Amino acid sequence: QVQLVESGGGLVQPGGSLRLSCAGPGFRLDHYAVGWFRQAPGKEREGVLCLASSATTTYYDDSLKGRFTVSRDIAKGTVDLQMNSLNAEDTGVYYCAAQFPGRLCPPPARNTYEYWGQGSQVTVSS
């Protein structure tokens, strides 16, 4: 059973940056497709992007291209979401999810990823 842990959330001012990390202690996340999702207050959970084991990035929300990027930290065993130029609309709980095999990113839905983290709160406010 893969357990995912997100870290790095918090309060940031508009225009600022945050980096979230997703770890799967004891598991090789580089063998999985790892997706990032977010859920704003009062809204449905939505897909942000996914990093496949092939190192291909799939954006579930094309409007985030240019501000959000994803990378794998091999040394730490994490998949990191870098978020820049944040605004209030980016506020929400951010989740990472993993699916094996990971060569291709699955569609952005709850039932297409088998493993989920508990979420990390990101608040963009002055």
N, C-alpha and C. Protein backbone atom coordinates (compact mmCIF):
# COMPACT_ATOMS: atom_id res chain seq x y z
N GLN A 1 0.85 -1.19 0.00
CA GLN A 1 0.00 0.00 0.00
C GLN A 1 0.88 1.24 0.00
N VAL A 2 0.74 2.05 -1.03
CA VAL A 2 1.53 3.27 -1.14
C VAL A 2 0.86 4.37 -0.32
N GLN A 3 1.61 4.99 0.55
CA GLN A 3 1.10 6.13 1.29
C GLN A 3 1.82 7.37 0.80
N LEU A 4 1.07 8.37 0.42
CA LEU A 4 1.65 9.59 -0.10
C LEU A 4 1.53 10.71 0.93
N VAL A 5 2.56 11.52 0.98
CA VAL A 5 2.60 12.62 1.93
C VAL A 5 2.98 13.89 1.19
N GLU A 6 2.10 14.90 1.26
CA GLU A 6 2.40 16.20 0.67
C GLU A 6 3.01 17.12 1.74
N SER A 7 3.88 17.99 1.30
CA SER A 7 4.46 18.99 2.21
C SER A 7 4.76 20.25 1.42
N GLY A 8 4.94 21.34 2.16
CA GLY A 8 5.34 22.59 1.53
C GLY A 8 4.24 23.62 1.39
N GLY A 9 3.03 23.29 1.79
CA GLY A 9 1.96 24.27 1.69
C GLY A 9 2.09 25.36 2.72
N GLY A 10 1.21 26.34 2.62
CA GLY A 10 1.23 27.43 3.58
C GLY A 10 0.59 28.67 3.02
N LEU A 11 0.89 29.79 3.67
CA LEU A 11 0.35 31.09 3.28
C LEU A 11 1.38 31.83 2.44
N VAL A 12 0.94 32.36 1.32
CA VAL A 12 1.84 33.11 0.45
C VAL A 12 1.10 34.33 -0.08
N GLN A 13 1.83 35.41 -0.31
CA GLN A 13 1.22 36.62 -0.83
C GLN A 13 0.99 36.50 -2.35
N PRO A 14 0.03 37.22 -2.86
CA PRO A 14 -0.19 37.21 -4.30
C PRO A 14 1.10 37.58 -5.05
N GLY A 15 1.36 36.83 -6.09
CA GLY A 15 2.59 37.03 -6.84
C GLY A 15 3.75 36.18 -6.36
N GLY A 16 3.56 35.53 -5.24
CA GLY A 16 4.63 34.73 -4.66
C GLY A 16 4.68 33.32 -5.23
N SER A 17 5.59 32.53 -4.68
CA SER A 17 5.81 31.16 -5.14
C SER A 17 5.77 30.19 -3.98
N LEU A 18 5.42 28.96 -4.30
CA LEU A 18 5.49 27.86 -3.34
C LEU A 18 5.93 26.62 -4.08
N ARG A 19 6.56 25.73 -3.33
CA ARG A 19 6.96 24.44 -3.89
C ARG A 19 6.40 23.35 -3.00
N LEU A 20 5.57 22.53 -3.57
CA LEU A 20 5.01 21.40 -2.85
C LEU A 20 5.76 20.13 -3.21
N SER A 21 5.91 19.26 -2.23
CA SER A 21 6.56 17.98 -2.47
C SER A 21 5.62 16.83 -2.16
N CYS A 22 5.74 15.79 -2.94
CA CYS A 22 4.96 14.57 -2.73
C CYS A 22 5.95 13.44 -2.52
N ALA A 23 5.84 12.79 -1.39
CA ALA A 23 6.73 11.68 -1.06
C ALA A 23 5.92 10.40 -0.86
N GLY A 24 6.52 9.31 -1.21
CA GLY A 24 5.92 8.00 -0.97
C GLY A 24 6.93 7.14 -0.25
N PRO A 25 7.05 7.31 1.04
CA PRO A 25 8.10 6.62 1.80
C PRO A 25 8.12 5.12 1.56
N GLY A 26 9.28 4.64 1.15
CA GLY A 26 9.42 3.21 0.92
C GLY A 26 9.05 2.76 -0.47
N PHE A 27 8.60 3.70 -1.32
CA PHE A 27 8.20 3.34 -2.68
C PHE A 27 8.97 4.16 -3.70
N ARG A 28 9.16 3.56 -4.86
CA ARG A 28 9.85 4.24 -5.94
C ARG A 28 8.83 5.02 -6.75
N LEU A 29 8.66 6.27 -6.40
CA LEU A 29 7.69 7.09 -7.13
C LEU A 29 8.08 7.30 -8.58
N ASP A 30 9.34 7.09 -8.91
CA ASP A 30 9.74 7.26 -10.30
C ASP A 30 9.18 6.14 -11.19
N HIS A 31 8.57 5.14 -10.60
CA HIS A 31 7.92 4.08 -11.38
C HIS A 31 6.44 4.36 -11.58
N TYR A 32 5.96 5.43 -10.93
CA TYR A 32 4.55 5.75 -10.96
C TYR A 32 4.29 7.02 -11.77
N ALA A 33 3.07 7.13 -12.28
CA ALA A 33 2.60 8.43 -12.75
C ALA A 33 2.11 9.17 -11.50
N VAL A 34 2.58 10.38 -11.32
CA VAL A 34 2.20 11.17 -10.14
C VAL A 34 1.46 12.41 -10.61
N GLY A 35 0.25 12.54 -10.14
CA GLY A 35 -0.57 13.68 -10.50
C GLY A 35 -0.76 14.62 -9.34
N TRP A 36 -0.97 15.87 -9.68
CA TRP A 36 -1.31 16.89 -8.69
C TRP A 36 -2.72 17.39 -8.97
N PHE A 37 -3.49 17.50 -7.91
CA PHE A 37 -4.86 17.98 -7.98
C PHE A 37 -5.04 19.09 -6.96
N ARG A 38 -6.11 19.85 -7.11
CA ARG A 38 -6.41 20.86 -6.10
C ARG A 38 -7.91 21.00 -5.97
N GLN A 39 -8.29 21.45 -4.79
CA GLN A 39 -9.70 21.66 -4.51
C GLN A 39 -9.87 22.98 -3.80
N ALA A 40 -10.50 23.92 -4.50
CA ALA A 40 -10.77 25.22 -3.92
C ALA A 40 -12.00 25.13 -3.03
N PRO A 41 -12.13 26.04 -2.08
CA PRO A 41 -13.30 26.02 -1.19
C PRO A 41 -14.60 26.04 -1.97
N GLY A 42 -15.47 25.07 -1.69
CA GLY A 42 -16.77 25.02 -2.33
C GLY A 42 -16.78 24.52 -3.76
N LYS A 43 -15.64 24.02 -4.21
CA LYS A 43 -15.55 23.55 -5.60
C LYS A 43 -15.13 22.09 -5.65
N GLU A 44 -15.28 21.51 -6.83
CA GLU A 44 -14.86 20.14 -7.04
C GLU A 44 -13.34 20.06 -7.16
N ARG A 45 -12.83 18.88 -6.84
CA ARG A 45 -11.40 18.66 -7.03
C ARG A 45 -11.10 18.65 -8.53
N GLU A 46 -10.01 19.30 -8.90
CA GLU A 46 -9.65 19.38 -10.31
C GLU A 46 -8.19 19.00 -10.51
N GLY A 47 -7.92 18.48 -11.69
CA GLY A 47 -6.56 18.09 -12.00
C GLY A 47 -5.70 19.29 -12.35
N VAL A 48 -4.47 19.27 -11.92
CA VAL A 48 -3.50 20.32 -12.22
C VAL A 48 -2.56 19.83 -13.32
N LEU A 49 -1.80 18.80 -13.02
CA LEU A 49 -0.88 18.22 -13.99
C LEU A 49 -0.43 16.85 -13.51
N CYS A 50 0.33 16.18 -14.37
CA CYS A 50 0.82 14.83 -14.04
C CYS A 50 2.22 14.67 -14.61
N LEU A 51 3.05 13.95 -13.86
CA LEU A 51 4.38 13.59 -14.34
C LEU A 51 4.44 12.08 -14.47
N ALA A 52 4.63 11.62 -15.70
CA ALA A 52 4.70 10.18 -15.93
C ALA A 52 6.08 9.66 -15.60
N SER A 53 6.18 8.34 -15.48
CA SER A 53 7.49 7.75 -15.20
C SER A 53 8.46 7.97 -16.36
N SER A 54 7.88 8.24 -17.52
CA SER A 54 8.71 8.55 -18.69
C SER A 54 9.24 9.98 -18.66
N ALA A 55 8.89 10.73 -17.61
CA ALA A 55 9.30 12.13 -17.43
C ALA A 55 8.52 13.09 -18.30
N THR A 56 7.45 12.60 -18.89
CA THR A 56 6.57 13.48 -19.67
C THR A 56 5.57 14.16 -18.74
N THR A 57 5.41 15.45 -18.95
CA THR A 57 4.42 16.21 -18.17
C THR A 57 3.15 16.39 -18.98
N THR A 58 2.03 16.11 -18.33
CA THR A 58 0.72 16.36 -18.93
C THR A 58 -0.01 17.38 -18.10
N TYR A 59 -0.39 18.48 -18.69
CA TYR A 59 -1.17 19.48 -17.98
C TYR A 59 -2.65 19.14 -18.10
N TYR A 60 -3.29 19.01 -16.93
CA TYR A 60 -4.72 18.79 -16.95
C TYR A 60 -5.46 20.13 -17.11
N ASP A 61 -4.78 21.20 -16.76
CA ASP A 61 -5.31 22.54 -16.91
C ASP A 61 -4.28 23.36 -17.67
N ASP A 62 -4.55 23.54 -18.95
CA ASP A 62 -3.57 24.24 -19.79
C ASP A 62 -3.34 25.68 -19.36
N SER A 63 -4.28 26.27 -18.65
CA SER A 63 -4.13 27.67 -18.24
C SER A 63 -3.00 27.83 -17.20
N LEU A 64 -2.55 26.72 -16.62
CA LEU A 64 -1.49 26.78 -15.62
C LEU A 64 -0.09 26.68 -16.23
N LYS A 65 -0.05 26.38 -17.51
CA LYS A 65 1.26 26.35 -18.18
C LYS A 65 1.93 27.71 -18.06
N GLY A 66 3.20 27.68 -17.80
CA GLY A 66 3.94 28.93 -17.62
C GLY A 66 4.03 29.37 -16.17
N ARG A 67 3.13 28.86 -15.32
CA ARG A 67 3.21 29.20 -13.89
C ARG A 67 3.53 27.98 -13.03
N PHE A 68 2.98 26.84 -13.39
CA PHE A 68 3.17 25.61 -12.61
C PHE A 68 4.05 24.65 -13.39
N THR A 69 5.02 24.09 -12.70
CA THR A 69 5.86 23.05 -13.30
C THR A 69 6.02 21.91 -12.31
N VAL A 70 6.42 20.77 -12.82
CA VAL A 70 6.59 19.59 -11.98
C VAL A 70 7.93 18.96 -12.29
N SER A 71 8.56 18.41 -11.27
CA SER A 71 9.85 17.76 -11.46
C SER A 71 10.00 16.65 -10.44
N ARG A 72 10.97 15.81 -10.73
CA ARG A 72 11.24 14.69 -9.83
C ARG A 72 12.59 14.91 -9.17
N ASP A 73 12.62 14.81 -7.86
CA ASP A 73 13.88 14.89 -7.12
C ASP A 73 14.30 13.46 -6.79
N ILE A 74 15.21 12.98 -7.59
CA ILE A 74 15.62 11.58 -7.44
C ILE A 74 16.25 11.33 -6.07
N ALA A 75 17.06 12.25 -5.63
CA ALA A 75 17.76 12.07 -4.35
C ALA A 75 16.79 11.98 -3.19
N LYS A 76 15.76 12.80 -3.24
CA LYS A 76 14.79 12.81 -2.14
C LYS A 76 13.66 11.83 -2.37
N GLY A 77 13.52 11.38 -3.61
CA GLY A 77 12.42 10.47 -3.91
C GLY A 77 11.07 11.16 -3.96
N THR A 78 11.07 12.44 -4.29
CA THR A 78 9.83 13.19 -4.29
C THR A 78 9.48 13.67 -5.70
N VAL A 79 8.22 14.05 -5.86
CA VAL A 79 7.75 14.74 -7.05
C VAL A 79 7.29 16.11 -6.59
N ASP A 80 7.89 17.14 -7.14
CA ASP A 80 7.69 18.50 -6.63
C ASP A 80 6.88 19.34 -7.61
N LEU A 81 5.96 20.08 -7.05
CA LEU A 81 5.14 21.01 -7.83
C LEU A 81 5.61 22.43 -7.52
N GLN A 82 6.16 23.09 -8.50
CA GLN A 82 6.60 24.48 -8.35
C GLN A 82 5.50 25.40 -8.86
N MET A 83 5.06 26.31 -8.00
CA MET A 83 3.97 27.21 -8.35
C MET A 83 4.45 28.65 -8.25
N ASN A 84 4.36 29.36 -9.34
CA ASN A 84 4.82 30.75 -9.39
C ASN A 84 3.68 31.69 -9.71
N SER A 85 3.91 32.96 -9.44
CA SER A 85 2.92 34.01 -9.72
C SER A 85 1.54 33.62 -9.19
N LEU A 86 1.52 33.22 -7.96
CA LEU A 86 0.28 32.74 -7.37
C LEU A 86 -0.72 33.88 -7.17
N ASN A 87 -1.98 33.53 -7.29
CA ASN A 87 -3.05 34.48 -7.05
C ASN A 87 -4.12 33.82 -6.19
N ALA A 88 -5.10 34.60 -5.80
CA ALA A 88 -6.11 34.11 -4.86
C ALA A 88 -6.85 32.89 -5.40
N GLU A 89 -6.99 32.81 -6.70
CA GLU A 89 -7.71 31.68 -7.31
C GLU A 89 -6.94 30.36 -7.18
N ASP A 90 -5.69 30.44 -6.79
CA ASP A 90 -4.90 29.23 -6.59
C ASP A 90 -5.06 28.67 -5.17
N THR A 91 -5.79 29.37 -4.35
CA THR A 91 -6.03 28.90 -2.98
C THR A 91 -6.82 27.61 -2.98
N GLY A 92 -6.38 26.68 -2.13
CA GLY A 92 -7.10 25.42 -2.02
C GLY A 92 -6.24 24.36 -1.38
N VAL A 93 -6.79 23.17 -1.31
CA VAL A 93 -6.03 22.02 -0.82
C VAL A 93 -5.45 21.29 -2.03
N TYR A 94 -4.15 21.07 -1.97
CA TYR A 94 -3.46 20.41 -3.07
C TYR A 94 -3.15 18.97 -2.69
N TYR A 95 -3.48 18.08 -3.60
CA TYR A 95 -3.29 16.66 -3.37
C TYR A 95 -2.35 16.09 -4.42
N CYS A 96 -1.53 15.14 -4.01
CA CYS A 96 -0.82 14.36 -5.00
C CYS A 96 -1.43 12.96 -5.03
N ALA A 97 -1.30 12.33 -6.18
CA ALA A 97 -1.87 11.01 -6.38
C ALA A 97 -0.91 10.20 -7.25
N ALA A 98 -0.95 8.89 -7.12
CA ALA A 98 -0.02 8.05 -7.87
C ALA A 98 -0.75 6.87 -8.47
N GLN A 99 -0.27 6.46 -9.63
CA GLN A 99 -0.85 5.32 -10.33
C GLN A 99 0.28 4.51 -10.97
N PHE A 100 0.12 3.19 -10.84
CA PHE A 100 1.09 2.27 -11.44
C PHE A 100 0.35 1.36 -12.40
N PRO A 101 0.90 1.05 -13.58
CA PRO A 101 2.18 1.55 -14.06
C PRO A 101 2.09 3.01 -14.44
N GLY A 102 3.27 3.64 -14.52
CA GLY A 102 3.24 5.08 -14.66
C GLY A 102 3.75 5.63 -15.96
N ARG A 103 3.85 4.78 -16.99
CA ARG A 103 4.43 5.28 -18.24
C ARG A 103 3.57 6.38 -18.86
N LEU A 104 2.26 6.27 -18.69
CA LEU A 104 1.35 7.28 -19.22
C LEU A 104 0.53 7.87 -18.08
N CYS A 105 0.18 9.14 -18.22
CA CYS A 105 -0.65 9.78 -17.21
C CYS A 105 -2.10 9.41 -17.44
N PRO A 106 -2.79 9.01 -16.39
CA PRO A 106 -4.21 8.68 -16.54
C PRO A 106 -5.06 9.94 -16.64
N PRO A 107 -6.31 9.79 -17.04
CA PRO A 107 -7.21 10.95 -17.04
C PRO A 107 -7.34 11.50 -15.63
N PRO A 108 -7.62 12.80 -15.52
CA PRO A 108 -7.66 13.45 -14.20
C PRO A 108 -8.97 13.18 -13.45
N ALA A 109 -9.07 12.04 -12.82
CA ALA A 109 -10.26 11.69 -12.06
C ALA A 109 -9.85 10.91 -10.82
N ARG A 110 -10.72 10.92 -9.82
CA ARG A 110 -10.39 10.24 -8.56
C ARG A 110 -10.21 8.74 -8.77
N ASN A 111 -10.98 8.16 -9.68
CA ASN A 111 -10.93 6.70 -9.83
C ASN A 111 -9.89 6.24 -10.83
N THR A 112 -9.09 7.16 -11.35
CA THR A 112 -8.01 6.75 -12.26
C THR A 112 -6.66 6.72 -11.56
N TYR A 113 -6.63 7.22 -10.35
CA TYR A 113 -5.43 7.15 -9.52
C TYR A 113 -5.74 6.28 -8.31
N GLU A 114 -4.86 5.37 -8.02
CA GLU A 114 -5.13 4.44 -6.93
C GLU A 114 -4.74 4.99 -5.57
N TYR A 115 -3.68 5.78 -5.53
CA TYR A 115 -3.16 6.25 -4.25
C TYR A 115 -3.24 7.76 -4.16
N TRP A 116 -3.63 8.23 -2.98
CA TRP A 116 -3.82 9.66 -2.75
C TRP A 116 -3.18 10.08 -1.43
N GLY A 117 -2.69 11.32 -1.43
CA GLY A 117 -2.22 11.91 -0.19
C GLY A 117 -3.37 12.58 0.55
N GLN A 118 -3.06 13.10 1.72
CA GLN A 118 -4.07 13.73 2.56
C GLN A 118 -4.30 15.19 2.19
N GLY A 119 -3.41 15.76 1.42
CA GLY A 119 -3.59 17.13 0.99
C GLY A 119 -2.76 18.12 1.80
N SER A 120 -2.45 19.23 1.14
CA SER A 120 -1.69 20.30 1.78
C SER A 120 -2.36 21.63 1.42
N GLN A 121 -2.62 22.43 2.45
CA GLN A 121 -3.34 23.68 2.24
C GLN A 121 -2.42 24.74 1.66
N VAL A 122 -2.89 25.39 0.61
CA VAL A 122 -2.21 26.55 0.03
C VAL A 122 -3.17 27.73 0.09
N THR A 123 -2.73 28.79 0.72
CA THR A 123 -3.56 29.99 0.83
C THR A 123 -2.80 31.17 0.26
N VAL A 124 -3.40 31.80 -0.73
CA VAL A 124 -2.79 32.97 -1.35
C VAL A 124 -3.58 34.19 -0.90
N SER A 125 -2.94 35.01 -0.10
CA SER A 125 -3.63 36.15 0.46
C SER A 125 -2.62 37.18 0.94
N SER A 126 -3.04 38.44 0.87
CA SER A 126 -2.19 39.51 1.39
C SER A 126 -2.54 39.82 2.85
